[in-house]
mmCIF file of all heavy atoms, coordinates in Angstrom:
data_MODEL
# 
_entry.id   MODEL 
# 
loop_
_atom_site.group_PDB 
_atom_site.id 
_atom_site.type_symbol 
_atom_site.label_atom_id 
_atom_site.label_alt_id 
_atom_site.label_comp_id 
_atom_site.label_asym_id 
_atom_site.label_entity_id 
_atom_site.label_seq_id 
_atom_site.pdbx_PDB_ins_code 
_atom_site.Cartn_x 
_atom_site.Cartn_y 
_atom_site.Cartn_z 
_atom_site.occupancy 
_atom_site.B_iso_or_equiv 
_atom_site.pdbx_formal_charge 
_atom_site.auth_seq_id 
_atom_site.auth_comp_id 
_atom_site.auth_asym_id 
_atom_site.auth_atom_id 
_atom_site.pdbx_PDB_model_num 
ATOM 1   N N   . ARG A 1 1  ? 15.362 4.818   -0.156 1.00 0.00 ? 1  ARG A N   1 
ATOM 2   C CA  . ARG A 1 1  ? 16.737 4.516   0.180  1.00 0.00 ? 1  ARG A CA  1 
ATOM 3   C C   . ARG A 1 1  ? 17.695 5.043   -0.880 1.00 0.00 ? 1  ARG A C   1 
ATOM 4   O O   . ARG A 1 1  ? 18.784 5.527   -0.586 1.00 0.00 ? 1  ARG A O   1 
ATOM 5   C CB  . ARG A 1 1  ? 16.916 3.002   0.360  1.00 0.00 ? 1  ARG A CB  1 
ATOM 6   C CG  . ARG A 1 1  ? 16.318 2.460   1.635  1.00 0.00 ? 1  ARG A CG  1 
ATOM 7   C CD  . ARG A 1 1  ? 16.278 0.938   1.617  1.00 0.00 ? 1  ARG A CD  1 
ATOM 8   N NE  . ARG A 1 1  ? 17.589 0.340   1.503  1.00 0.00 ? 1  ARG A NE  1 
ATOM 9   C CZ  . ARG A 1 1  ? 18.280 -0.194  2.514  1.00 0.00 ? 1  ARG A CZ  1 
ATOM 10  N NH1 . ARG A 1 1  ? 17.760 -0.185  3.730  1.00 0.00 ? 1  ARG A NH1 1 
ATOM 11  N NH2 . ARG A 1 1  ? 19.466 -0.740  2.308  1.00 0.00 ? 1  ARG A NH2 1 
ATOM 12  N N   . GLY A 1 2  ? 17.284 4.950   -2.138 1.00 0.00 ? 2  GLY A N   1 
ATOM 13  C CA  . GLY A 1 2  ? 18.126 5.441   -3.227 1.00 0.00 ? 2  GLY A CA  1 
ATOM 14  C C   . GLY A 1 2  ? 18.362 6.932   -3.163 1.00 0.00 ? 2  GLY A C   1 
ATOM 15  O O   . GLY A 1 2  ? 19.400 7.428   -3.633 1.00 0.00 ? 2  GLY A O   1 
ATOM 16  N N   . HIS A 1 3  ? 17.411 7.646   -2.573 1.00 0.00 ? 3  HIS A N   1 
ATOM 17  C CA  . HIS A 1 3  ? 17.550 9.097   -2.413 1.00 0.00 ? 3  HIS A CA  1 
ATOM 18  C C   . HIS A 1 3  ? 18.148 9.465   -1.059 1.00 0.00 ? 3  HIS A C   1 
ATOM 19  O O   . HIS A 1 3  ? 18.284 10.657  -0.744 1.00 0.00 ? 3  HIS A O   1 
ATOM 20  C CB  . HIS A 1 3  ? 16.186 9.769   -2.573 1.00 0.00 ? 3  HIS A CB  1 
ATOM 21  C CG  . HIS A 1 3  ? 15.726 9.878   -3.999 1.00 0.00 ? 3  HIS A CG  1 
ATOM 22  N ND1 . HIS A 1 3  ? 16.086 10.927  -4.820 1.00 0.00 ? 3  HIS A ND1 1 
ATOM 23  C CD2 . HIS A 1 3  ? 14.957 9.062   -4.758 1.00 0.00 ? 3  HIS A CD2 1 
ATOM 24  C CE1 . HIS A 1 3  ? 15.538 10.769  -6.006 1.00 0.00 ? 3  HIS A CE1 1 
ATOM 25  N NE2 . HIS A 1 3  ? 14.847 9.637   -5.998 1.00 0.00 ? 3  HIS A NE2 1 
ATOM 26  N N   . GLY A 1 4  ? 18.457 8.471   -0.243 1.00 0.00 ? 4  GLY A N   1 
ATOM 27  C CA  . GLY A 1 4  ? 19.095 8.745   1.053  1.00 0.00 ? 4  GLY A CA  1 
ATOM 28  C C   . GLY A 1 4  ? 18.175 9.288   2.116  1.00 0.00 ? 4  GLY A C   1 
ATOM 29  O O   . GLY A 1 4  ? 18.634 9.924   3.061  1.00 0.00 ? 4  GLY A O   1 
ATOM 30  N N   . ILE A 1 5  ? 16.857 9.036   1.990  1.00 0.00 ? 5  ILE A N   1 
ATOM 31  C CA  . ILE A 1 5  ? 15.921 9.516   2.990  1.00 0.00 ? 5  ILE A CA  1 
ATOM 32  C C   . ILE A 1 5  ? 15.296 8.314   3.696  1.00 0.00 ? 5  ILE A C   1 
ATOM 33  O O   . ILE A 1 5  ? 14.930 7.324   3.048  1.00 0.00 ? 5  ILE A O   1 
ATOM 34  C CB  . ILE A 1 5  ? 14.820 10.409  2.362  1.00 0.00 ? 5  ILE A CB  1 
ATOM 35  C CG1 . ILE A 1 5  ? 13.918 11.007  3.454  1.00 0.00 ? 5  ILE A CG1 1 
ATOM 36  C CG2 . ILE A 1 5  ? 13.991 9.651   1.356  1.00 0.00 ? 5  ILE A CG2 1 
ATOM 37  C CD1 . ILE A 1 5  ? 12.960 12.073  2.915  1.00 0.00 ? 5  ILE A CD1 1 
ATOM 38  N N   . PRO A 1 6  ? 15.198 8.334   5.016  1.00 0.00 ? 6  PRO A N   1 
ATOM 39  C CA  . PRO A 1 6  ? 14.618 7.199   5.739  1.00 0.00 ? 6  PRO A CA  1 
ATOM 40  C C   . PRO A 1 6  ? 13.154 7.004   5.410  1.00 0.00 ? 6  PRO A C   1 
ATOM 41  O O   . PRO A 1 6  ? 12.361 7.959   5.434  1.00 0.00 ? 6  PRO A O   1 
ATOM 42  C CB  . PRO A 1 6  ? 14.811 7.582   7.214  1.00 0.00 ? 6  PRO A CB  1 
ATOM 43  C CG  . PRO A 1 6  ? 15.877 8.627   7.217  1.00 0.00 ? 6  PRO A CG  1 
ATOM 44  C CD  . PRO A 1 6  ? 15.708 9.373   5.936  1.00 0.00 ? 6  PRO A CD  1 
ATOM 45  N N   . ALA A 1 7  ? 12.781 5.769   5.106  1.00 0.00 ? 7  ALA A N   1 
ATOM 46  C CA  . ALA A 1 7  ? 11.383 5.417   4.889  1.00 0.00 ? 7  ALA A CA  1 
ATOM 47  C C   . ALA A 1 7  ? 10.956 4.463   6.003  1.00 0.00 ? 7  ALA A C   1 
ATOM 48  O O   . ALA A 1 7  ? 11.475 3.348   6.105  1.00 0.00 ? 7  ALA A O   1 
ATOM 49  C CB  . ALA A 1 7  ? 11.187 4.756   3.532  1.00 0.00 ? 7  ALA A CB  1 
ATOM 50  N N   . PHE A 1 8  ? 10.042 4.919   6.827  1.00 0.00 ? 8  PHE A N   1 
ATOM 51  C CA  . PHE A 1 8  ? 9.449  4.081   7.858  1.00 0.00 ? 8  PHE A CA  1 
ATOM 52  C C   . PHE A 1 8  ? 8.166  3.475   7.287  1.00 0.00 ? 8  PHE A C   1 
ATOM 53  O O   . PHE A 1 8  ? 7.634  3.926   6.278  1.00 0.00 ? 8  PHE A O   1 
ATOM 54  C CB  . PHE A 1 8  ? 9.098  4.915   9.097  1.00 0.00 ? 8  PHE A CB  1 
ATOM 55  C CG  . PHE A 1 8  ? 10.292 5.401   9.860  1.00 0.00 ? 8  PHE A CG  1 
ATOM 56  C CD1 . PHE A 1 8  ? 11.077 6.452   9.385  1.00 0.00 ? 8  PHE A CD1 1 
ATOM 57  C CD2 . PHE A 1 8  ? 10.639 4.830   11.073 1.00 0.00 ? 8  PHE A CD2 1 
ATOM 58  C CE1 . PHE A 1 8  ? 12.173 6.913   10.094 1.00 0.00 ? 8  PHE A CE1 1 
ATOM 59  C CE2 . PHE A 1 8  ? 11.727 5.264   11.794 1.00 0.00 ? 8  PHE A CE2 1 
ATOM 60  C CZ  . PHE A 1 8  ? 12.498 6.312   11.296 1.00 0.00 ? 8  PHE A CZ  1 
ATOM 61  N N   . VAL A 1 9  ? 7.655  2.473   7.974  1.00 0.00 ? 9  VAL A N   1 
ATOM 62  C CA  . VAL A 1 9  ? 6.381  1.875   7.597  1.00 0.00 ? 9  VAL A CA  1 
ATOM 63  C C   . VAL A 1 9  ? 5.496  1.814   8.823  1.00 0.00 ? 9  VAL A C   1 
ATOM 64  O O   . VAL A 1 9  ? 5.932  1.343   9.886  1.00 0.00 ? 9  VAL A O   1 
ATOM 65  C CB  . VAL A 1 9  ? 6.559  0.460   7.027  1.00 0.00 ? 9  VAL A CB  1 
ATOM 66  C CG1 . VAL A 1 9  ? 5.190  -0.198  6.778  1.00 0.00 ? 9  VAL A CG1 1 
ATOM 67  C CG2 . VAL A 1 9  ? 7.368  0.495   5.727  1.00 0.00 ? 9  VAL A CG2 1 
ATOM 68  N N   . ARG A 1 10 ? 4.274  2.344   8.698  1.00 0.00 ? 10 ARG A N   1 
ATOM 69  C CA  . ARG A 1 10 ? 3.280  2.117   9.747  1.00 0.00 ? 10 ARG A CA  1 
ATOM 70  C C   . ARG A 1 10 ? 2.605  0.785   9.426  1.00 0.00 ? 10 ARG A C   1 
ATOM 71  O O   . ARG A 1 10 ? 1.968  0.627   8.398  1.00 0.00 ? 10 ARG A O   1 
ATOM 72  C CB  . ARG A 1 10 ? 2.245  3.240   9.810  1.00 0.00 ? 10 ARG A CB  1 
ATOM 73  C CG  . ARG A 1 10 ? 1.156  2.912   10.837 1.00 0.00 ? 10 ARG A CG  1 
ATOM 74  C CD  . ARG A 1 10 ? 0.487  4.123   11.424 1.00 0.00 ? 10 ARG A CD  1 
ATOM 75  N NE  . ARG A 1 10 ? -0.317 4.869   10.457 1.00 0.00 ? 10 ARG A NE  1 
ATOM 76  C CZ  . ARG A 1 10 ? -1.043 5.939   10.777 1.00 0.00 ? 10 ARG A CZ  1 
ATOM 77  N NH1 . ARG A 1 10 ? -1.066 6.381   12.015 1.00 0.00 ? 10 ARG A NH1 1 
ATOM 78  N NH2 . ARG A 1 10 ? -1.728 6.578   9.832  1.00 0.00 ? 10 ARG A NH2 1 
ATOM 79  N N   . THR A 1 11 ? 2.792  -0.164  10.323 1.00 0.00 ? 11 THR A N   1 
ATOM 80  C CA  . THR A 1 11 ? 2.310  -1.513  10.076 1.00 0.00 ? 11 THR A CA  1 
ATOM 81  C C   . THR A 1 11 ? 0.813  -1.629  10.355 1.00 0.00 ? 11 THR A C   1 
ATOM 82  O O   . THR A 1 11 ? 0.223  -0.776  11.019 1.00 0.00 ? 11 THR A O   1 
ATOM 83  C CB  . THR A 1 11 ? 3.064  -2.513  10.950 1.00 0.00 ? 11 THR A CB  1 
ATOM 84  O OG1 . THR A 1 11 ? 2.839  -2.203  12.332 1.00 0.00 ? 11 THR A OG1 1 
ATOM 85  C CG2 . THR A 1 11 ? 4.556  -2.458  10.663 1.00 0.00 ? 11 THR A CG2 1 
ATOM 86  N N   . ALA A 1 12 ? 0.237  -2.719  9.863  1.00 0.00 ? 12 ALA A N   1 
ATOM 87  C CA  . ALA A 1 12 ? -1.191 -2.952  10.096 1.00 0.00 ? 12 ALA A CA  1 
ATOM 88  C C   . ALA A 1 12 ? -1.447 -3.486  11.493 1.00 0.00 ? 12 ALA A C   1 
ATOM 89  O O   . ALA A 1 12 ? -2.555 -3.374  12.007 1.00 0.00 ? 12 ALA A O   1 
ATOM 90  C CB  . ALA A 1 12 ? -1.734 -3.917  9.056  1.00 0.00 ? 12 ALA A CB  1 
ATOM 91  N N   . GLY A 1 13 ? -0.436 -4.093  12.104 1.00 0.00 ? 13 GLY A N   1 
ATOM 92  C CA  . GLY A 1 13 ? -0.620 -4.678  13.426 1.00 0.00 ? 13 GLY A CA  1 
ATOM 93  C C   . GLY A 1 13 ? 0.699  -5.005  14.079 1.00 0.00 ? 13 GLY A C   1 
ATOM 94  O O   . GLY A 1 13 ? 1.752  -4.502  13.670 1.00 0.00 ? 13 GLY A O   1 
ATOM 95  N N   . HIS A 1 14 ? 0.654  -5.885  15.084 1.00 0.00 ? 14 HIS A N   1 
ATOM 96  C CA  . HIS A 1 14 ? 1.845  -6.193  15.875 1.00 0.00 ? 14 HIS A CA  1 
ATOM 97  C C   . HIS A 1 14 ? 2.478  -7.537  15.546 1.00 0.00 ? 14 HIS A C   1 
ATOM 98  O O   . HIS A 1 14 ? 3.593  -7.806  15.977 1.00 0.00 ? 14 HIS A O   1 
ATOM 99  C CB  . HIS A 1 14 ? 1.473  -6.238  17.379 1.00 0.00 ? 14 HIS A CB  1 
ATOM 100 C CG  . HIS A 1 14 ? 0.550  -5.158  17.826 1.00 0.00 ? 14 HIS A CG  1 
ATOM 101 N ND1 . HIS A 1 14 ? -0.639 -5.420  18.463 1.00 0.00 ? 14 HIS A ND1 1 
ATOM 102 C CD2 . HIS A 1 14 ? 0.644  -3.819  17.734 1.00 0.00 ? 14 HIS A CD2 1 
ATOM 103 C CE1 . HIS A 1 14 ? -1.240 -4.284  18.739 1.00 0.00 ? 14 HIS A CE1 1 
ATOM 104 N NE2 . HIS A 1 14 ? -0.488 -3.298  18.313 1.00 0.00 ? 14 HIS A NE2 1 
ATOM 105 N N   . ALA A 1 15 ? 1.775  -8.389  14.845 1.00 0.00 ? 15 ALA A N   1 
ATOM 106 C CA  . ALA A 1 15 ? 2.234  -9.764  14.649 1.00 0.00 ? 15 ALA A CA  1 
ATOM 107 C C   . ALA A 1 15 ? 3.420  -9.818  13.698 1.00 0.00 ? 15 ALA A C   1 
ATOM 108 O O   . ALA A 1 15 ? 3.627  -8.911  12.888 1.00 0.00 ? 15 ALA A O   1 
ATOM 109 C CB  . ALA A 1 15 ? 1.088  -10.619 14.085 1.00 0.00 ? 15 ALA A CB  1 
ATOM 110 N N   . PRO A 1 16 ? 4.218  -10.902 13.744 1.00 0.00 ? 16 PRO A N   1 
ATOM 111 C CA  . PRO A 1 16 ? 5.342  -11.042 12.831 1.00 0.00 ? 16 PRO A CA  1 
ATOM 112 C C   . PRO A 1 16 ? 4.960  -10.875 11.367 1.00 0.00 ? 16 PRO A C   1 
ATOM 113 O O   . PRO A 1 16 ? 5.710  -10.277 10.579 1.00 0.00 ? 16 PRO A O   1 
ATOM 114 C CB  . PRO A 1 16 ? 5.850  -12.465 13.133 1.00 0.00 ? 16 PRO A CB  1 
ATOM 115 C CG  . PRO A 1 16 ? 5.516  -12.666 14.568 1.00 0.00 ? 16 PRO A CG  1 
ATOM 116 C CD  . PRO A 1 16 ? 4.183  -11.980 14.762 1.00 0.00 ? 16 PRO A CD  1 
ATOM 117 N N   . ARG A 1 17 ? 3.796  -11.396 10.969 1.00 0.00 ? 17 ARG A N   1 
ATOM 118 C CA  . ARG A 1 17 ? 3.384  -11.292 9.563  1.00 0.00 ? 17 ARG A CA  1 
ATOM 119 C C   . ARG A 1 17 ? 3.117  -9.830  9.169  1.00 0.00 ? 17 ARG A C   1 
ATOM 120 O O   . ARG A 1 17 ? 3.163  -9.496  7.983  1.00 0.00 ? 17 ARG A O   1 
ATOM 121 C CB  . ARG A 1 17 ? 2.129  -12.122 9.316  1.00 0.00 ? 17 ARG A CB  1 
ATOM 122 C CG  . ARG A 1 17 ? 0.882  -11.613 10.042 1.00 0.00 ? 17 ARG A CG  1 
ATOM 123 C CD  . ARG A 1 17 ? -0.354 -12.421 9.688  1.00 0.00 ? 17 ARG A CD  1 
ATOM 124 N NE  . ARG A 1 17 ? -1.535 -11.961 10.394 1.00 0.00 ? 17 ARG A NE  1 
ATOM 125 C CZ  . ARG A 1 17 ? -1.890 -12.322 11.607 1.00 0.00 ? 17 ARG A CZ  1 
ATOM 126 N NH1 . ARG A 1 17 ? -1.146 -13.179 12.267 1.00 0.00 ? 17 ARG A NH1 1 
ATOM 127 N NH2 . ARG A 1 17 ? -2.983 -11.832 12.179 1.00 0.00 ? 17 ARG A NH2 1 
ATOM 128 N N   . ASP A 1 18 ? 2.845  -8.985  10.157 1.00 0.00 ? 18 ASP A N   1 
ATOM 129 C CA  . ASP A 1 18 ? 2.599  -7.561  9.873  1.00 0.00 ? 18 ASP A CA  1 
ATOM 130 C C   . ASP A 1 18 ? 3.894  -6.790  9.704  1.00 0.00 ? 18 ASP A C   1 
ATOM 131 O O   . ASP A 1 18 ? 3.945  -5.807  8.949  1.00 0.00 ? 18 ASP A O   1 
ATOM 132 C CB  . ASP A 1 18 ? 1.788  -6.921  11.011 1.00 0.00 ? 18 ASP A CB  1 
ATOM 133 C CG  . ASP A 1 18 ? 0.398  -7.515  11.169 1.00 0.00 ? 18 ASP A CG  1 
ATOM 134 O OD1 . ASP A 1 18 ? -0.260 -7.734  10.137 1.00 0.00 ? 18 ASP A OD1 1 
ATOM 135 O OD2 . ASP A 1 18 ? -0.008 -7.778  12.310 1.00 0.00 ? 18 ASP A OD2 1 
ATOM 136 N N   . VAL A 1 19 ? 4.947  -7.190  10.406 1.00 0.00 ? 19 VAL A N   1 
ATOM 137 C CA  . VAL A 1 19 ? 6.180  -6.403  10.430 1.00 0.00 ? 19 VAL A CA  1 
ATOM 138 C C   . VAL A 1 19 ? 7.266  -6.967  9.524  1.00 0.00 ? 19 VAL A C   1 
ATOM 139 O O   . VAL A 1 19 ? 8.133  -6.213  9.056  1.00 0.00 ? 19 VAL A O   1 
ATOM 140 C CB  . VAL A 1 19 ? 6.725  -6.281  11.874 1.00 0.00 ? 19 VAL A CB  1 
ATOM 141 C CG1 . VAL A 1 19 ? 5.648  -5.716  12.802 1.00 0.00 ? 19 VAL A CG1 1 
ATOM 142 C CG2 . VAL A 1 19 ? 7.229  -7.611  12.406 1.00 0.00 ? 19 VAL A CG2 1 
ATOM 143 N N   . GLN A 1 20 ? 7.238  -8.279  9.251  1.00 0.00 ? 20 GLN A N   1 
ATOM 144 C CA  . GLN A 1 20 ? 8.341  -8.904  8.522  1.00 0.00 ? 20 GLN A CA  1 
ATOM 145 C C   . GLN A 1 20 ? 8.567  -8.342  7.125  1.00 0.00 ? 20 GLN A C   1 
ATOM 146 O O   . GLN A 1 20 ? 9.717  -8.081  6.741  1.00 0.00 ? 20 GLN A O   1 
ATOM 147 C CB  . GLN A 1 20 ? 8.123  -10.410 8.442  1.00 0.00 ? 20 GLN A CB  1 
ATOM 148 C CG  . GLN A 1 20 ? 9.341  -11.196 7.963  1.00 0.00 ? 20 GLN A CG  1 
ATOM 149 C CD  . GLN A 1 20 ? 10.430 -11.298 9.019  1.00 0.00 ? 20 GLN A CD  1 
ATOM 150 O OE1 . GLN A 1 20 ? 10.160 -11.721 10.130 1.00 0.00 ? 20 GLN A OE1 1 
ATOM 151 N NE2 . GLN A 1 20 ? 11.636 -10.893 8.681  1.00 0.00 ? 20 GLN A NE2 1 
ATOM 152 N N   . PRO A 1 21 ? 7.520  -8.135  6.292  1.00 0.00 ? 21 PRO A N   1 
ATOM 153 C CA  . PRO A 1 21 ? 7.780  -7.619  4.934  1.00 0.00 ? 21 PRO A CA  1 
ATOM 154 C C   . PRO A 1 21 ? 8.497  -6.285  4.920  1.00 0.00 ? 21 PRO A C   1 
ATOM 155 O O   . PRO A 1 21 ? 9.407  -6.072  4.108  1.00 0.00 ? 21 PRO A O   1 
ATOM 156 C CB  . PRO A 1 21 ? 6.372  -7.510  4.335  1.00 0.00 ? 21 PRO A CB  1 
ATOM 157 C CG  . PRO A 1 21 ? 5.565  -8.522  5.083  1.00 0.00 ? 21 PRO A CG  1 
ATOM 158 C CD  . PRO A 1 21 ? 6.088  -8.482  6.474  1.00 0.00 ? 21 PRO A CD  1 
ATOM 159 N N   . ALA A 1 22 ? 8.108  -5.370  5.805  1.00 0.00 ? 22 ALA A N   1 
ATOM 160 C CA  . ALA A 1 22 ? 8.765  -4.059  5.847  1.00 0.00 ? 22 ALA A CA  1 
ATOM 161 C C   . ALA A 1 22 ? 10.196 -4.158  6.321  1.00 0.00 ? 22 ALA A C   1 
ATOM 162 O O   . ALA A 1 22 ? 11.099 -3.492  5.790  1.00 0.00 ? 22 ALA A O   1 
ATOM 163 C CB  . ALA A 1 22 ? 7.968  -3.126  6.762  1.00 0.00 ? 22 ALA A CB  1 
ATOM 164 N N   . LEU A 1 23 ? 10.455 -5.010  7.318  1.00 0.00 ? 23 LEU A N   1 
ATOM 165 C CA  . LEU A 1 23 ? 11.809 -5.173  7.822  1.00 0.00 ? 23 LEU A CA  1 
ATOM 166 C C   . LEU A 1 23 ? 12.711 -5.797  6.756  1.00 0.00 ? 23 LEU A C   1 
ATOM 167 O O   . LEU A 1 23 ? 13.847 -5.344  6.545  1.00 0.00 ? 23 LEU A O   1 
ATOM 168 C CB  . LEU A 1 23 ? 11.797 -6.030  9.085  1.00 0.00 ? 23 LEU A CB  1 
ATOM 169 C CG  . LEU A 1 23 ? 11.082 -5.421  10.299 1.00 0.00 ? 23 LEU A CG  1 
ATOM 170 C CD1 . LEU A 1 23 ? 10.988 -6.436  11.432 1.00 0.00 ? 23 LEU A CD1 1 
ATOM 171 C CD2 . LEU A 1 23 ? 11.784 -4.162  10.775 1.00 0.00 ? 23 LEU A CD2 1 
ATOM 172 N N   . ASP A 1 24 ? 12.227 -6.838  6.072  1.00 0.00 ? 24 ASP A N   1 
ATOM 173 C CA  . ASP A 1 24 ? 13.027 -7.470  5.030  1.00 0.00 ? 24 ASP A CA  1 
ATOM 174 C C   . ASP A 1 24 ? 13.296 -6.509  3.878  1.00 0.00 ? 24 ASP A C   1 
ATOM 175 O O   . ASP A 1 24 ? 14.354 -6.593  3.224  1.00 0.00 ? 24 ASP A O   1 
ATOM 176 C CB  . ASP A 1 24 ? 12.322 -8.711  4.500  1.00 0.00 ? 24 ASP A CB  1 
ATOM 177 C CG  . ASP A 1 24 ? 12.414 -9.902  5.447  1.00 0.00 ? 24 ASP A CG  1 
ATOM 178 O OD1 . ASP A 1 24 ? 13.248 -9.868  6.375  1.00 0.00 ? 24 ASP A OD1 1 
ATOM 179 O OD2 . ASP A 1 24 ? 11.634 -10.870 5.265  1.00 0.00 ? 24 ASP A OD2 1 
ATOM 180 N N   . ALA A 1 25 ? 12.351 -5.610  3.596  1.00 0.00 ? 25 ALA A N   1 
ATOM 181 C CA  . ALA A 1 25 ? 12.500 -4.658  2.488  1.00 0.00 ? 25 ALA A CA  1 
ATOM 182 C C   . ALA A 1 25 ? 13.451 -3.525  2.810  1.00 0.00 ? 25 ALA A C   1 
ATOM 183 O O   . ALA A 1 25 ? 13.762 -2.714  1.947  1.00 0.00 ? 25 ALA A O   1 
ATOM 184 C CB  . ALA A 1 25 ? 11.134 -4.094  2.091  1.00 0.00 ? 25 ALA A CB  1 
ATOM 185 N N   . GLY A 1 26 ? 13.918 -3.467  4.067  1.00 0.00 ? 26 GLY A N   1 
ATOM 186 C CA  . GLY A 1 26 ? 14.910 -2.460  4.418  1.00 0.00 ? 26 GLY A CA  1 
ATOM 187 C C   . GLY A 1 26 ? 14.352 -1.160  4.964  1.00 0.00 ? 26 GLY A C   1 
ATOM 188 O O   . GLY A 1 26 ? 15.009 -0.112  4.858  1.00 0.00 ? 26 GLY A O   1 
ATOM 189 N N   . ALA A 1 27 ? 13.155 -1.189  5.541  1.00 0.00 ? 27 ALA A N   1 
ATOM 190 C CA  . ALA A 1 27 ? 12.607 0.017   6.144  1.00 0.00 ? 27 ALA A CA  1 
ATOM 191 C C   . ALA A 1 27 ? 13.527 0.531   7.244  1.00 0.00 ? 27 ALA A C   1 
ATOM 192 O O   . ALA A 1 27 ? 14.169 -0.248  7.955  1.00 0.00 ? 27 ALA A O   1 
ATOM 193 C CB  . ALA A 1 27 ? 11.222 -0.269  6.728  1.00 0.00 ? 27 ALA A CB  1 
ATOM 194 N N   . ALA A 1 28 ? 13.591 1.846   7.379  1.00 0.00 ? 28 ALA A N   1 
ATOM 195 C CA  . ALA A 1 28 ? 14.432 2.460   8.418  1.00 0.00 ? 28 ALA A CA  1 
ATOM 196 C C   . ALA A 1 28 ? 13.887 2.176   9.809  1.00 0.00 ? 28 ALA A C   1 
ATOM 197 O O   . ALA A 1 28 ? 14.608 2.254   10.804 1.00 0.00 ? 28 ALA A O   1 
ATOM 198 C CB  . ALA A 1 28 ? 14.533 3.960   8.197  1.00 0.00 ? 28 ALA A CB  1 
ATOM 199 N N   . GLY A 1 29 ? 12.604 1.875   9.866  1.00 0.00 ? 29 GLY A N   1 
ATOM 200 C CA  . GLY A 1 29 ? 11.970 1.590   11.145 1.00 0.00 ? 29 GLY A CA  1 
ATOM 201 C C   . GLY A 1 29 ? 10.482 1.420   10.963 1.00 0.00 ? 29 GLY A C   1 
ATOM 202 O O   . GLY A 1 29 ? 9.971  1.484   9.839  1.00 0.00 ? 29 GLY A O   1 
# 
């Protein structure tokens, strides 16, 4: 984010516990 480039995260699964950390950390998607 500091360099202005989108960082996505490929999650380990579909559950909220799999996606929440990346979303809270500001992943672009």
